[in-house]
Amino acid sequence: MIGSRKKGNELRDIYSGQEEVPIRAGRWGEVGSTSFEGARIKEWRPHWSILHKSHAEDAALYGSEAEKWKHNPILHPIRYLRDPYYLEEKHYHDRPYPVSSPAFTNVPLIGPLLAATVGRLVKPPRRMHEEEWDGTEYSLYSPRLEPRGPDALPPPTPKDEYSIGNVFSKEANIFAEYTGLYGFVAKSAYQGLFPDTNSLGKEVDYQGSRQIDNFSRRYYEKELGAGIGPSPTLEGHFGYTEPFRRFVQHETFSPQANEIPNTAASWLPGDDYYTNFHEGDPFIKIDEGYARLPGAGYEALHPELKDVNPEDYPDIHKMAILADVAPYSREYNQVKTSFSSFCHL
């Protein structure tokens, strides 16, 4: 009952990286309306052990594991203070952002407060790519989901994510979530007594560079579930990830705008698809994008592609990537047709 139903050769293919595993939405949650295995399949990716051994995420962010530890702010604080914009500069073109985030933005619970105060002294925010995008026109999702006509109202101008006024509302939401039911009741009562209809749908922030290595995003995209098990008293059950999830919360901040052109491979879908991979940071637009989109992370998992320009990936890899991240796109159908014609020859 508690073992795997897969055969030995199937497990060998999974643990060697030859076969990818499906990651379902809401998996391993023992309470709720979804099954334990989860709902729809969100992605296909190599087994977590393969991701760990290949250091694919380190390769995508820093180039190698050695570079990651070399620029760790805790191990090398002086080096960090000398160049706090290391990641922004390294990914200036392939993962562009309109503003560099202050320091301490990803600290749990009090990150926004630290970022708006001490963080601005350690790492002052900088506007970037202003000549390419000034923030006046944007689509938060895609033109297909947000059609605009000539008589449509202009979108609100994005604002600083960590301004003092913005931070207090973020911290209020964070601590309401942290306190659980009490915070939910207090937040609901406040919204009922003082409804804010003037700013509804008008709160948009400039997307900050903190998203490059955002710990909250990286945790929740793994779908690790509730971690239920016997309680410490052995008299019931306890969700062991619940305290951690109260501490590292799933972000529900204001929508974030970023329409800066990047250098993603031309065969990825653009603004005619639900996800535009050619604007902003393409690697955060899908879960675990570092392992699923063309780049250093994908090449760490597929050594045969080392030093190969993503534009020159073989069609079999283009088709595998597009089938995973954009199965309904025009680009996928084109590559699939081209590959099928080659196989018939």
C-alpha atoms as a PDB file:
ATOM      1  CA  MET A   1       0.000   0.000   0.000  1.00  0.00           C
ATOM      2  CA  ILE A   2       2.802   2.449   0.789  1.00  0.00           C
ATOM      3  CA  GLY A   3       5.213   1.335  -1.923  1.00  0.00           C
ATOM      4  CA  SER A   4       5.508   2.461  -5.530  1.00  0.00           C
ATOM      5  CA  ARG A   5       3.506   0.820  -8.294  1.00  0.00           C
ATOM      6  CA  LYS A   6       6.236   1.562 -10.819  1.00  0.00           C
ATOM      7  CA  LYS A   7       8.504  -1.211 -12.030  1.00  0.00           C
ATOM      8  CA  GLY A   8      12.252  -1.199 -11.591  1.00  0.00           C
ATOM      9  CA  ASN A   9      13.044  -0.105 -15.134  1.00  0.00           C
ATOM     10  CA  GLU A  10      10.524   2.764 -14.828  1.00  0.00           C
ATOM     11  CA  LEU A  11      12.141   3.982 -11.616  1.00  0.00           C
ATOM     12  CA  ARG A  12      15.599   3.760 -13.181  1.00  0.00           C
ATOM     13  CA  ASP A  13      14.439   5.963 -16.060  1.00  0.00           C
ATOM     14  CA  ILE A  14      13.039   8.519 -13.594  1.00  0.00           C
ATOM     15  CA  TYR A  15      16.067   8.610 -11.282  1.00  0.00           C
ATOM     16  CA  SER A  16      18.477   8.794 -14.212  1.00  0.00           C
ATOM     17  CA  GLY A  17      16.637  11.751 -15.741  1.00  0.00           C
ATOM     18  CA  GLN A  18      15.563   9.919 -18.898  1.00  0.00           C
ATOM     19  CA  GLU A  19      11.889  10.229 -17.947  1.00  0.00           C
ATOM     20  CA  GLU A  20      10.312  13.381 -16.543  1.00  0.00           C
ATOM     21  CA  VAL A  21       7.755  13.382 -13.730  1.00  0.00           C
ATOM     22  CA  PRO A  22       4.385  15.202 -13.684  1.00  0.00           C
ATOM     23  CA  ILE A  23       3.855  17.921 -11.069  1.00  0.00           C
ATOM     24  CA  ARG A  24       0.187  18.382 -10.212  1.00  0.00           C
ATOM     25  CA  ALA A  25      -1.445  21.479  -8.749  1.00  0.00           C
ATOM     26  CA  GLY A  26      -2.232  21.151  -5.052  1.00  0.00           C
ATOM     27  CA  ARG A  27      -0.576  17.760  -4.706  1.00  0.00           C
ATOM     28  CA  TRP A  28       0.076  16.093  -1.337  1.00  0.00           C
ATOM     29  CA  GLY A  29      -2.620  18.103   0.401  1.00  0.00           C
ATOM     30  CA  GLU A  30      -4.478  15.766   2.747  1.00  0.00           C
ATOM     31  CA  VAL A  31      -7.377  18.134   3.409  1.00  0.00           C
ATOM     32  CA  GLY A  32      -9.487  19.962   0.868  1.00  0.00           C
ATOM     33  CA  SER A  33     -11.459  19.143  -2.251  1.00  0.00           C
ATOM     34  CA  THR A  34      -8.577  17.858  -4.397  1.00  0.00           C
ATOM     35  CA  SER A  35      -7.182  14.352  -4.316  1.00  0.00           C
ATOM     36  CA  PHE A  36      -3.894  13.543  -2.615  1.00  0.00           C
ATOM     37  CA  GLU A  37      -2.094  13.262  -5.967  1.00  0.00           C
ATOM     38  CA  GLY A  38      -3.296  16.750  -6.925  1.00  0.00           C
ATOM     39  CA  ALA A  39      -5.419  18.213  -9.700  1.00  0.00           C
ATOM     40  CA  ARG A  40      -4.276  19.060 -13.234  1.00  0.00           C
ATOM     41  CA  ILE A  41      -0.689  18.542 -14.341  1.00  0.00           C
ATOM     42  CA  LYS A  42       1.085  21.911 -14.169  1.00  0.00           C
ATOM     43  CA  GLU A  43       4.411  20.826 -15.599  1.00  0.00           C
ATOM     44  CA  TRP A  44       6.704  17.993 -16.549  1.00  0.00           C
ATOM     45  CA  ARG A  45      10.229  18.188 -15.188  1.00  0.00           C
ATOM     46  CA  PRO A  46      13.100  15.893 -14.149  1.00  0.00           C
ATOM     47  CA  HIS A  47      12.957  14.263 -10.723  1.00  0.00           C
ATOM     48  CA  TRP A  48      14.045  16.581  -7.883  1.00  0.00           C
ATOM     49  CA  SER A  49      17.185  14.514  -7.312  1.00  0.00           C
ATOM     50  CA  ILE A  50      18.266  15.206 -10.901  1.00  0.00           C
ATOM     51  CA  LEU A  51      17.643  18.939 -10.430  1.00  0.00           C
ATOM     52  CA  HIS A  52      19.731  18.847  -7.266  1.00  0.00           C
ATOM     53  CA  LYS A  53      22.649  16.873  -8.690  1.00  0.00           C
ATOM     54  CA  SER A  54      22.835  18.895 -11.892  1.00  0.00           C
ATOM     55  CA  HIS A  55      22.765  22.258 -10.021  1.00  0.00           C
ATOM     56  CA  ALA A  56      20.525  23.499 -12.824  1.00  0.00           C
ATOM     57  CA  GLU A  57      19.141  26.410 -10.797  1.00  0.00           C
ATOM     58  CA  ASP A  58      22.631  27.535  -9.769  1.00  0.00           C
ATOM     59  CA  ALA A  59      23.739  27.402 -13.403  1.00  0.00           C
ATOM     60  CA  ALA A  60      20.722  29.451 -14.482  1.00  0.00           C
ATOM     61  CA  LEU A  61      21.221  32.148 -11.831  1.00  0.00           C
ATOM     62  CA  TYR A  62      24.975  32.335 -11.298  1.00  0.00           C
ATOM     63  CA  GLY A  63      26.593  30.229 -14.004  1.00  0.00           C
ATOM     64  CA  SER A  64      27.839  27.566 -11.574  1.00  0.00           C
ATOM     65  CA  GLU A  65      27.567  26.405  -7.968  1.00  0.00           C
ATOM     66  CA  ALA A  66      30.972  27.934  -7.186  1.00  0.00           C
ATOM     67  CA  GLU A  67      29.782  31.364  -8.339  1.00  0.00           C
ATOM     68  CA  LYS A  68      26.660  30.996  -6.200  1.00  0.00           C
ATOM     69  CA  TRP A  69      28.657  30.547  -2.989  1.00  0.00           C
ATOM     70  CA  LYS A  70      31.140  33.189  -4.087  1.00  0.00           C
ATOM     71  CA  HIS A  71      28.328  35.780  -4.139  1.00  0.00           C
ATOM     72  CA  ASN A  72      26.449  34.588  -1.064  1.00  0.00           C
ATOM     73  CA  PRO A  73      25.736  37.741   1.013  1.00  0.00           C
ATOM     74  CA  ILE A  74      25.990  35.868   4.324  1.00  0.00           C
ATOM     75  CA  LEU A  75      29.338  34.185   3.588  1.00  0.00           C
ATOM     76  CA  HIS A  76      30.798  37.204   1.772  1.00  0.00           C
ATOM     77  CA  PRO A  77      29.057  40.341   3.088  1.00  0.00           C
ATOM     78  CA  ILE A  78      31.862  42.699   2.024  1.00  0.00           C
ATOM     79  CA  ARG A  79      31.743  41.441  -1.562  1.00  0.00           C
ATOM     80  CA  TYR A  80      27.958  41.840  -1.544  1.00  0.00           C
ATOM     81  CA  LEU A  81      28.127  45.418  -0.240  1.00  0.00           C
ATOM     82  CA  ARG A  82      30.670  46.283  -2.919  1.00  0.00           C
ATOM     83  CA  ASP A  83      28.401  45.008  -5.691  1.00  0.00           C
ATOM     84  CA  PRO A  84      24.794  44.491  -4.490  1.00  0.00           C
ATOM     85  CA  TYR A  85      23.531  44.664  -8.093  1.00  0.00           C
ATOM     86  CA  TYR A  86      25.436  41.578  -9.237  1.00  0.00           C
ATOM     87  CA  LEU A  87      22.392  39.541 -10.355  1.00  0.00           C
ATOM     88  CA  GLU A  88      20.709  42.513 -12.034  1.00  0.00           C
ATOM     89  CA  GLU A  89      23.830  43.226 -14.059  1.00  0.00           C
ATOM     90  CA  LYS A  90      24.431  39.561 -14.921  1.00  0.00           C
ATOM     91  CA  HIS A  91      20.883  39.131 -16.223  1.00  0.00           C
ATOM     92  CA  TYR A  92      20.408  42.645 -17.521  1.00  0.00           C
ATOM     93  CA  HIS A  93      19.310  41.485 -20.977  1.00  0.00           C
ATOM     94  CA  ASP A  94      17.954  37.947 -20.572  1.00  0.00           C
ATOM     95  CA  ARG A  95      15.967  38.681 -17.374  1.00  0.00           C
ATOM     96  CA  PRO A  96      15.302  42.447 -17.464  1.00  0.00           C
ATOM     97  CA  TYR A  97      13.450  44.380 -14.753  1.00  0.00           C
ATOM     98  CA  PRO A  98      12.317  48.020 -14.650  1.00  0.00           C
ATOM     99  CA  VAL A  99      13.695  48.539 -11.130  1.00  0.00           C
ATOM    100  CA  SER A 100      16.240  46.889  -8.870  1.00  0.00           C
ATOM    101  CA  SER A 101      14.699  45.871  -5.561  1.00  0.00           C
ATOM    102  CA  PRO A 102      16.182  47.054  -2.243  1.00  0.00           C
ATOM    103  CA  ALA A 103      18.007  44.644   0.052  1.00  0.00           C
ATOM    104  CA  PHE A 104      16.076  42.330   2.405  1.00  0.00           C
ATOM    105  CA  THR A 105      12.961  42.218   0.195  1.00  0.00           C
ATOM    106  CA  ASN A 106      12.775  38.421   0.458  1.00  0.00           C
ATOM    107  CA  VAL A 107      13.052  38.266   4.252  1.00  0.00           C
ATOM    108  CA  PRO A 108       9.898  36.534   5.607  1.00  0.00           C
ATOM    109  CA  LEU A 109       7.251  38.550   7.491  1.00  0.00           C
ATOM    110  CA  ILE A 110       9.124  41.851   7.841  1.00  0.00           C
ATOM    111  CA  GLY A 111      10.765  41.925   4.397  1.00  0.00           C
ATOM    112  CA  PRO A 112       8.700  44.869   3.039  1.00  0.00           C
ATOM    113  CA  LEU A 113       9.379  46.953   6.154  1.00  0.00           C
ATOM    114  CA  LEU A 114      13.117  46.238   6.042  1.00  0.00           C
ATOM    115  CA  ALA A 115      13.230  46.929   2.300  1.00  0.00           C
ATOM    116  CA  ALA A 116      11.558  50.322   2.683  1.00  0.00           C
ATOM    117  CA  THR A 117      13.971  51.427   5.424  1.00  0.00           C
ATOM    118  CA  VAL A 118      17.375  49.778   5.932  1.00  0.00           C
ATOM    119  CA  GLY A 119      17.226  48.007   2.585  1.00  0.00           C
ATOM    120  CA  ARG A 120      17.197  51.306   0.697  1.00  0.00           C
ATOM    121  CA  LEU A 121      20.425  52.313   2.417  1.00  0.00           C
ATOM    122  CA  VAL A 122      22.205  49.029   1.729  1.00  0.00           C
ATOM    123  CA  LYS A 123      20.963  48.743  -1.845  1.00  0.00           C
ATOM    124  CA  PRO A 124      19.174  51.834  -3.169  1.00  0.00           C
ATOM    125  CA  PRO A 125      16.598  51.045  -5.881  1.00  0.00           C
ATOM    126  CA  ARG A 126      17.656  51.873  -9.427  1.00  0.00           C
ATOM    127  CA  ARG A 127      15.458  52.363 -12.465  1.00  0.00           C
ATOM    128  CA  MET A 128      16.603  50.248 -15.410  1.00  0.00           C
ATOM    129  CA  HIS A 129      15.720  49.986 -19.119  1.00  0.00           C
ATOM    130  CA  GLU A 130      13.815  53.286 -19.082  1.00  0.00           C
ATOM    131  CA  GLU A 131      14.735  53.846 -22.719  1.00  0.00           C
ATOM    132  CA  GLU A 132      13.024  50.575 -23.660  1.00  0.00           C
ATOM    133  CA  TRP A 133       9.864  50.834 -21.515  1.00  0.00           C
ATOM    134  CA  ASP A 134       8.637  53.800 -19.520  1.00  0.00           C
ATOM    135  CA  GLY A 135       5.655  52.122 -17.849  1.00  0.00           C
ATOM    136  CA  THR A 136       2.871  53.994 -19.662  1.00  0.00           C
ATOM    137  CA  GLU A 137       1.589  51.024 -21.694  1.00  0.00           C
ATOM    138  CA  TYR A 138       1.490  47.402 -20.565  1.00  0.00           C
ATOM    139  CA  SER A 139      -0.576  44.222 -20.296  1.00  0.00           C
ATOM    140  CA  LEU A 140      -0.381  42.355 -17.024  1.00  0.00           C
ATOM    141  CA  TYR A 141      -1.089  39.011 -18.666  1.00  0.00           C
ATOM    142  CA  SER A 142      -1.339  39.097 -22.475  1.00  0.00           C
ATOM    143  CA  PRO A 143      -3.189  41.066 -25.187  1.00  0.00           C
ATOM    144  CA  ARG A 144      -5.354  37.990 -25.738  1.00  0.00           C
ATOM    145  CA  LEU A 145      -6.590  38.158 -22.139  1.00  0.00           C
ATOM    146  CA  GLU A 146      -6.553  41.965 -21.927  1.00  0.00           C
ATOM    147  CA  PRO A 147      -7.855  43.355 -25.239  1.00  0.00           C
ATOM    148  CA  ARG A 148      -7.717  47.129 -25.543  1.00  0.00           C
ATOM    149  CA  GLY A 149      -9.601  49.313 -27.983  1.00  0.00           C
ATOM    150  CA  PRO A 150      -8.947  52.880 -29.114  1.00  0.00           C
ATOM    151  CA  ASP A 151     -11.484  54.213 -26.580  1.00  0.00           C
ATOM    152  CA  ALA A 152     -10.225  52.149 -23.636  1.00  0.00           C
ATOM    153  CA  LEU A 153      -8.997  53.871 -20.489  1.00  0.00           C
ATOM    154  CA  PRO A 154      -5.203  53.910 -20.118  1.00  0.00           C
ATOM    155  CA  PRO A 155      -3.789  51.519 -17.528  1.00  0.00           C
ATOM    156  CA  PRO A 156      -2.745  53.031 -14.179  1.00  0.00           C
ATOM    157  CA  THR A 157       0.861  54.135 -13.908  1.00  0.00           C
ATOM    158  CA  PRO A 158       2.903  51.558 -11.960  1.00  0.00           C
ATOM    159  CA  LYS A 159       4.357  52.732  -8.682  1.00  0.00           C
ATOM    160  CA  ASP A 160       7.245  51.854  -6.411  1.00  0.00           C
ATOM    161  CA  GLU A 161       6.680  48.439  -4.853  1.00  0.00           C
ATOM    162  CA  TYR A 162       8.315  49.462  -1.570  1.00  0.00           C
ATOM    163  CA  SER A 163       7.190  53.009  -0.959  1.00  0.00           C
ATOM    164  CA  ILE A 164       6.316  53.737   2.661  1.00  0.00           C
ATOM    165  CA  GLY A 165       2.577  53.936   1.977  1.00  0.00           C
ATOM    166  CA  ASN A 166       2.655  50.721  -0.011  1.00  0.00           C
ATOM    167  CA  VAL A 167       4.607  48.838   2.647  1.00  0.00           C
ATOM    168  CA  PHE A 168       2.072  49.239   5.447  1.00  0.00           C
ATOM    169  CA  SER A 169      -0.696  47.585   3.434  1.00  0.00           C
ATOM    170  CA  LYS A 170       1.662  44.740   2.501  1.00  0.00           C
ATOM    171  CA  GLU A 171       2.675  44.189   6.113  1.00  0.00           C
ATOM    172  CA  ALA A 172      -0.967  44.254   7.222  1.00  0.00           C
ATOM    173  CA  ASN A 173      -1.797  41.494   4.742  1.00  0.00           C
ATOM    174  CA  ILE A 174       1.261  39.477   5.786  1.00  0.00           C
ATOM    175  CA  PHE A 175       0.451  39.547   9.489  1.00  0.00           C
ATOM    176  CA  ALA A 176      -3.235  38.856   8.857  1.00  0.00           C
ATOM    177  CA  GLU A 177      -2.159  35.691   7.057  1.00  0.00           C
ATOM    178  CA  TYR A 178       0.374  34.870   9.771  1.00  0.00           C
ATOM    179  CA  THR A 179      -2.208  34.965  12.577  1.00  0.00           C
ATOM    180  CA  GLY A 180      -4.589  32.690  10.666  1.00  0.00           C
ATOM    181  CA  LEU A 181      -8.280  32.832  11.542  1.00  0.00           C
ATOM    182  CA  TYR A 182      -7.909  35.888  13.786  1.00  0.00           C
ATOM    183  CA  GLY A 183      -6.237  37.862  11.051  1.00  0.00           C
ATOM    184  CA  PHE A 184      -8.814  36.752   8.483  1.00  0.00           C
ATOM    185  CA  VAL A 185     -11.692  37.915  10.725  1.00  0.00           C
ATOM    186  CA  ALA A 186      -9.999  41.239  11.469  1.00  0.00           C
ATOM    187  CA  LYS A 187      -9.177  41.856   7.798  1.00  0.00           C
ATOM    188  CA  SER A 188     -12.723  40.980   6.682  1.00  0.00           C
ATOM    189  CA  ALA A 189     -14.239  43.254   9.339  1.00  0.00           C
ATOM    190  CA  TYR A 190     -11.986  46.152   8.341  1.00  0.00           C
ATOM    191  CA  GLN A 191     -12.811  45.753   4.656  1.00  0.00           C
ATOM    192  CA  GLY A 192     -16.504  45.598   5.521  1.00  0.00           C
ATOM    193  CA  LEU A 193     -16.393  48.761   7.594  1.00  0.00           C
ATOM    194  CA  PHE A 194     -14.018  50.701   5.324  1.00  0.00           C
ATOM    195  CA  PRO A 195     -14.416  49.403   1.754  1.00  0.00           C
ATOM    196  CA  ASP A 196     -11.731  50.730  -0.588  1.00  0.00           C
ATOM    197  CA  THR A 197     -13.507  50.996  -3.936  1.00  0.00           C
ATOM    198  CA  ASN A 198     -11.446  53.895  -5.278  1.00  0.00           C
ATOM    199  CA  SER A 199      -8.220  51.927  -5.699  1.00  0.00           C
ATOM    200  CA  LEU A 200      -9.830  48.629  -6.728  1.00  0.00           C
ATOM    201  CA  GLY A 201      -8.083  47.406  -9.854  1.00  0.00           C
ATOM    202  CA  LYS A 202      -5.754  50.422  -9.906  1.00  0.00           C
ATOM    203  CA  GLU A 203      -2.899  49.128  -7.744  1.00  0.00           C
ATOM    204  CA  VAL A 204      -0.003  48.115 -10.009  1.00  0.00           C
ATOM    205  CA  ASP A 205       3.688  47.979  -9.062  1.00  0.00           C
ATOM    206  CA  TYR A 206       6.834  48.009 -11.130  1.00  0.00           C
ATOM    207  CA  GLN A 207       8.108  44.434 -11.075  1.00  0.00           C
ATOM    208  CA  GLY A 208      11.261  44.382  -8.948  1.00  0.00           C
ATOM    209  CA  SER A 209      14.408  42.361  -9.555  1.00  0.00           C
ATOM    210  CA  ARG A 210      13.858  40.480  -6.279  1.00  0.00           C
ATOM    211  CA  GLN A 211      11.774  38.062  -8.345  1.00  0.00           C
ATOM    212  CA  ILE A 212      14.967  36.608  -9.838  1.00  0.00           C
ATOM    213  CA  ASP A 213      15.723  34.644  -6.661  1.00  0.00           C
ATOM    214  CA  ASN A 214      12.453  35.051  -4.750  1.00  0.00           C
ATOM    215  CA  PHE A 215      12.446  32.307  -2.091  1.00  0.00           C
ATOM    216  CA  SER A 216       8.655  32.318  -1.669  1.00  0.00           C
ATOM    217  CA  ARG A 217       8.063  31.764  -5.381  1.00  0.00           C
ATOM    218  CA  ARG A 218      10.687  29.032  -5.559  1.00  0.00           C
ATOM    219  CA  TYR A 219       9.136  27.195  -2.604  1.00  0.00           C
ATOM    220  CA  TYR A 220       5.490  27.282  -3.657  1.00  0.00           C
ATOM    221  CA  GLU A 221       6.119  26.322  -7.267  1.00  0.00           C
ATOM    222  CA  LYS A 222       7.408  22.950  -6.031  1.00  0.00           C
ATOM    223  CA  GLU A 223       3.940  21.978  -4.715  1.00  0.00           C
ATOM    224  CA  LEU A 224       5.273  20.242  -1.573  1.00  0.00           C
ATOM    225  CA  GLY A 225       1.875  19.838   0.094  1.00  0.00           C
ATOM    226  CA  ALA A 226       0.884  19.885   3.768  1.00  0.00           C
ATOM    227  CA  GLY A 227       3.406  17.354   5.068  1.00  0.00           C
ATOM    228  CA  ILE A 228       0.834  15.729   7.320  1.00  0.00           C
ATOM    229  CA  GLY A 229       1.885  13.182   9.920  1.00  0.00           C
ATOM    230  CA  PRO A 230       1.322  12.127  13.532  1.00  0.00           C
ATOM    231  CA  SER A 231       1.197  15.062  15.924  1.00  0.00           C
ATOM    232  CA  PRO A 232       3.912  15.395  18.592  1.00  0.00           C
ATOM    233  CA  THR A 233       1.434  14.041  21.146  1.00  0.00           C
ATOM    234  CA  LEU A 234       0.565  11.090  18.864  1.00  0.00           C
ATOM    235  CA  GLU A 235      -3.116  11.838  19.496  1.00  0.00           C
ATOM    236  CA  GLY A 236      -3.934  13.215  16.075  1.00  0.00           C
ATOM    237  CA  HIS A 237      -2.434  14.498  12.832  1.00  0.00           C
ATOM    238  CA  PHE A 238      -0.465  17.645  12.148  1.00  0.00           C
ATOM    239  CA  GLY A 239       0.485  19.447   8.938  1.00  0.00           C
ATOM    240  CA  TYR A 240       4.200  19.927   9.422  1.00  0.00           C
ATOM    241  CA  THR A 241       4.614  22.491   6.642  1.00  0.00           C
ATOM    242  CA  GLU A 242       1.900  24.747   8.125  1.00  0.00           C
ATOM    243  CA  PRO A 243       4.243  26.689  10.488  1.00  0.00           C
ATOM    244  CA  PHE A 244       6.722  27.142   7.655  1.00  0.00           C
ATOM    245  CA  ARG A 245       3.997  28.300   5.260  1.00  0.00           C
ATOM    246  CA  ARG A 246       2.845  30.882   7.821  1.00  0.00           C
ATOM    247  CA  PHE A 247       6.428  32.129   7.968  1.00  0.00           C
ATOM    248  CA  VAL A 248       7.188  31.994   4.221  1.00  0.00           C
ATOM    249  CA  GLN A 249       3.888  33.048   2.689  1.00  0.00           C
ATOM    250  CA  HIS A 250       2.592  32.743  -0.835  1.00  0.00           C
ATOM    251  CA  GLU A 251       2.711  36.296  -2.127  1.00  0.00           C
ATOM    252  CA  THR A 252      -0.576  38.018  -2.958  1.00  0.00           C
ATOM    253  CA  PHE A 253       0.834  41.482  -3.515  1.00  0.00           C
ATOM    254  CA  SER A 254      -0.378  43.963  -6.131  1.00  0.00           C
ATOM    255  CA  PRO A 255      -0.063  43.057  -9.833  1.00  0.00           C
ATOM    256  CA  GLN A 256       3.381  43.798 -11.251  1.00  0.00           C
ATOM    257  CA  ALA A 257       4.088  45.328 -14.654  1.00  0.00           C
ATOM    258  CA  ASN A 258       7.145  44.575 -16.780  1.00  0.00           C
ATOM    259  CA  GLU A 259       7.184  44.844 -20.584  1.00  0.00           C
ATOM    260  CA  ILE A 260      10.909  45.177 -21.220  1.00  0.00           C
ATOM    261  CA  PRO A 261      12.064  43.122 -24.247  1.00  0.00           C
ATOM    262  CA  ASN A 262      14.404  40.258 -23.394  1.00  0.00           C
ATOM    263  CA  THR A 263      16.721  37.995 -25.393  1.00  0.00           C
ATOM    264  CA  ALA A 264      14.653  34.786 -25.230  1.00  0.00           C
ATOM    265  CA  ALA A 265      14.903  32.353 -28.148  1.00  0.00           C
ATOM    266  CA  SER A 266      12.849  33.513 -31.115  1.00  0.00           C
ATOM    267  CA  TRP A 267      11.000  30.181 -31.371  1.00  0.00           C
ATOM    268  CA  LEU A 268       9.236  30.775 -28.024  1.00  0.00           C
ATOM    269  CA  PRO A 269       5.722  32.314 -28.200  1.00  0.00           C
ATOM    270  CA  GLY A 270       5.274  36.068 -28.000  1.00  0.00           C
ATOM    271  CA  ASP A 271       2.340  38.423 -27.531  1.00  0.00           C
ATOM    272  CA  ASP A 272      -0.024  36.271 -29.607  1.00  0.00           C
ATOM    273  CA  TYR A 273      -0.008  33.567 -26.919  1.00  0.00           C
ATOM    274  CA  TYR A 274      -1.308  33.451 -23.354  1.00  0.00           C
ATOM    275  CA  THR A 275       2.254  33.795 -22.022  1.00  0.00           C
ATOM    276  CA  ASN A 276       4.583  36.260 -23.702  1.00  0.00           C
ATOM    277  CA  PHE A 277       8.089  34.880 -23.222  1.00  0.00           C
ATOM    278  CA  HIS A 278       9.723  37.828 -25.006  1.00  0.00           C
ATOM    279  CA  GLU A 279       8.983  40.486 -22.406  1.00  0.00           C
ATOM    280  CA  GLY A 280      10.156  40.747 -18.815  1.00  0.00           C
ATOM    281  CA  ASP A 281      11.684  37.772 -17.045  1.00  0.00           C
ATOM    282  CA  PRO A 282      10.523  34.640 -18.920  1.00  0.00           C
ATOM    283  CA  PHE A 283      11.842  32.257 -16.257  1.00  0.00           C
ATOM    284  CA  ILE A 284       9.331  33.376 -13.596  1.00  0.00           C
ATOM    285  CA  LYS A 285       6.309  33.191 -15.898  1.00  0.00           C
ATOM    286  CA  ILE A 286       6.102  29.424 -15.461  1.00  0.00           C
ATOM    287  CA  ASP A 287       6.932  27.251 -12.476  1.00  0.00           C
ATOM    288  CA  GLU A 288      10.600  26.193 -12.335  1.00  0.00           C
ATOM    289  CA  GLY A 289      11.289  27.967 -15.591  1.00  0.00           C
ATOM    290  CA  TYR A 290      15.050  27.638 -15.117  1.00  0.00           C
ATOM    291  CA  ALA A 291      14.721  23.885 -15.878  1.00  0.00           C
ATOM    292  CA  ARG A 292      12.002  24.083 -18.528  1.00  0.00           C
ATOM    293  CA  LEU A 293      13.014  27.005 -20.738  1.00  0.00           C
ATOM    294  CA  PRO A 294      16.101  27.189 -22.981  1.00  0.00           C
ATOM    295  CA  GLY A 295      19.165  28.472 -21.182  1.00  0.00           C
ATOM    296  CA  ALA A 296      21.945  27.480 -18.804  1.00  0.00           C
ATOM    297  CA  GLY A 297      19.621  25.560 -16.468  1.00  0.00           C
ATOM    298  CA  TYR A 298      18.141  23.446 -19.244  1.00  0.00           C
ATOM    299  CA  GLU A 299      21.612  22.789 -20.613  1.00  0.00           C
ATOM    300  CA  ALA A 300      22.798  21.601 -17.190  1.00  0.00           C
ATOM    301  CA  LEU A 301      20.096  18.930 -17.429  1.00  0.00           C
ATOM    302  CA  HIS A 302      20.962  18.150 -21.052  1.00  0.00           C
ATOM    303  CA  PRO A 303      24.779  18.193 -21.295  1.00  0.00           C
ATOM    304  CA  GLU A 304      24.623  17.486 -25.037  1.00  0.00           C
ATOM    305  CA  LEU A 305      23.450  21.106 -25.442  1.00  0.00           C
ATOM    306  CA  LYS A 306      26.395  22.669 -23.625  1.00  0.00           C
ATOM    307  CA  ASP A 307      27.645  25.789 -25.447  1.00  0.00           C
ATOM    308  CA  VAL A 308      24.790  25.486 -27.986  1.00  0.00           C
ATOM    309  CA  ASN A 309      22.921  28.727 -28.670  1.00  0.00           C
ATOM    310  CA  PRO A 310      19.212  28.282 -27.807  1.00  0.00           C
ATOM    311  CA  GLU A 311      18.403  29.469 -31.319  1.00  0.00           C
ATOM    312  CA  ASP A 312      20.227  26.399 -32.628  1.00  0.00           C
ATOM    313  CA  TYR A 313      18.649  23.757 -30.375  1.00  0.00           C
ATOM    314  CA  PRO A 314      17.696  20.596 -32.288  1.00  0.00           C
ATOM    315  CA  ASP A 315      14.015  20.393 -33.206  1.00  0.00           C
ATOM    316  CA  ILE A 316      13.494  17.497 -30.788  1.00  0.00           C
ATOM    317  CA  HIS A 317      14.416  19.775 -27.869  1.00  0.00           C
ATOM    318  CA  LYS A 318      12.407  22.693 -29.231  1.00  0.00           C
ATOM    319  CA  MET A 319       9.373  20.449 -29.533  1.00  0.00           C
ATOM    320  CA  ALA A 320       9.857  19.026 -26.014  1.00  0.00           C
ATOM    321  CA  ILE A 321      10.106  22.505 -24.493  1.00  0.00           C
ATOM    322  CA  LEU A 322       7.147  23.936 -26.405  1.00  0.00           C
ATOM    323  CA  ALA A 323       4.995  20.878 -25.701  1.00  0.00           C
ATOM    324  CA  ASP A 324       5.571  21.539 -22.003  1.00  0.00           C
ATOM    325  CA  VAL A 325       5.357  25.332 -21.735  1.00  0.00           C
ATOM    326  CA  ALA A 326       3.196  26.302 -24.756  1.00  0.00           C
ATOM    327  CA  PRO A 327       1.326  23.269 -26.130  1.00  0.00           C
ATOM    328  CA  TYR A 328      -1.389  25.382 -27.818  1.00  0.00           C
ATOM    329  CA  SER A 329       0.946  27.838 -29.511  1.00  0.00           C
ATOM    330  CA  ARG A 330       1.533  28.408 -33.197  1.00  0.00           C
ATOM    331  CA  GLU A 331       5.262  27.880 -32.604  1.00  0.00           C
ATOM    332  CA  TYR A 332       4.706  24.377 -31.228  1.00  0.00           C
ATOM    333  CA  ASN A 333       2.624  23.343 -34.220  1.00  0.00           C
ATOM    334  CA  GLN A 334       5.274  24.692 -36.602  1.00  0.00           C
ATOM    335  CA  VAL A 335       8.111  22.789 -34.926  1.00  0.00           C
ATOM    336  CA  LYS A 336       5.973  19.658 -34.649  1.00  0.00           C
ATOM    337  CA  THR A 337       5.128  19.796 -38.367  1.00  0.00           C
ATOM    338  CA  SER A 338       8.764  20.377 -39.288  1.00  0.00           C
ATOM    339  CA  PHE A 339       9.942  17.519 -37.109  1.00  0.00           C
ATOM    340  CA  SER A 340       7.274  15.140 -38.423  1.00  0.00           C
ATOM    341  CA  SER A 341       8.235  15.959 -42.014  1.00  0.00           C
ATOM    342  CA  PHE A 342      11.884  15.239 -41.229  1.00  0.00           C
ATOM    343  CA  CYS A 343      10.971  11.874 -39.628  1.00  0.00           C
ATOM    344  CA  HIS A 344       8.956  10.867 -42.720  1.00  0.00           C
ATOM    345  CA  LEU A 345      12.006  11.542 -44.887  1.00  0.00           C
END
